[in-house]
C-alpha cells in the first residue's frame, strides 16, 4: 500500500499539491499577514529616511551624481583614448576640459540674450499681456480682463526699494550654483581618472565568480546604453535645433540661433522641455505677429516635428533594447524634480536608463518555450 502511494501518478501528485495550495489560500493569514506588514513597513521607513537624506544632501549629491553620469557617458571615449596609449590622468583632463568648454560656450551664448531679457522684461511682459488679453476675453467663461494682468502696482520705486531683497535672493541662488559647479568638475576629473580602479573595486567586492561576471556585464551595459543613447540623442536633437533655427527665421522670430539652442537643450528634459519650448514659442509668436494663425504656426510646426521624432524616428534609431516606459519616465521626472528641482529633471532620464539596465541585467527575461507535441 505504501509502495503504491510512493509511486503515484505525477498528474495525481500535481492535483493534490494544487488542492493543498487552494486549501491554504482559503485559510486566514494570521501571523503571516503581520510578518508581511512588518517587512513592508520596514522597507517603507527605510525609503522615507533615504529620501530625506537625498533631499537634505542635495547640494553635494547633485554634482556628484551628475559627474558620475557624465563620466559613464564618456566611458567609451575614455577607453578608446586609453587604447591609444594616453595616460589615465591625461584622458581625464582632456575629457573634463571638453565638458567644461561645452558648458562655457553654452553659458556664454546665453548671457547676452538673458541680459537683454532682464533689461526689457517689463516691456515685453506688458506687450505680451496686451496681445494675449484680447484672445482670452473672447472666451467668456474665463472672465479675463485687462485689469486682471495690470502691472500698475509695480513701479520703479518699489523695485529699487526691494533691490536688497532681490540681490540677496540672487546671491543665495548663485553661490550654491558656483559651489556645485566646482564640485561637479572636480568629481568628474577624479571619476574619469580613477574609474578603472573603481570598477575593479566594485567587481572584487563580490566573492563569487558568477557575481563578478554579472557586475562586469552590468557596468559595461550601463556605459554602452548611456553612451549610445546620448550620442544618438545629441545628433537627433542637433538636427531638431537646426530645424528650429529655420522655423524661427521663416516665422520672423528674433534671434533664431538662440531658439535653436533652446530647442537642443530643452529636448534632453522629456515632457517638461517640449512643454516649456512650445509655450515660449507661442508667446513669442503672439508678440511678433498680429494674426493668430501666424503667431501659433512656429509652435505648431515645432511641436509636430518633435512629436514625430520622439515617437517614430527615435524608437526606430534606438531600437527596442533601450525602449523605456513613458509613464515610468514621467514619474521619474516628477519625483526627481520634487527632490532636486531643475537638476533632478535633467538627471531623471539618465537615472531611469541606469535603473532599467541594472534591472535587466539582474533579472534577465526568460523566453518561455511551449512543450509542443512531437
Foldseek 3Di string as FASTA:
>chain_A
DVVDVVPDDPVVVVVVVVVVVVVVVPDDCPVVVVVVVVVVVVVVVVVVVVLVVCQVCVLQVLLLVVLVLVLLLCVVVLVVVVVVVDAQLVSLVVVLVVVVVVVVVLVVVVPVVVVVCVVCVVVLVVLLLVLVQVVVVVVPVVVDDSVVPDPVVDDPVVCVVCVVVVVVVVVVVVVSVVVSVVSNSVSNSVCSSCVVVVLVVVLVVDDDPVSSVLSVVLSVLLSVLSNVLVVVLLVVLLVLLVVQLVLCVVLVFPPSNVLSVLSSVLVLQPPVSLVVSLVVQLSRLSSGDNDNCSSNVSSVVSSVVSVCCVPPVSCVVSDPVQDDDPVQLVVLLVVQCVRNNPSSSNCSVSVRSSVVSSCCSVPPDDDDDDDDDD
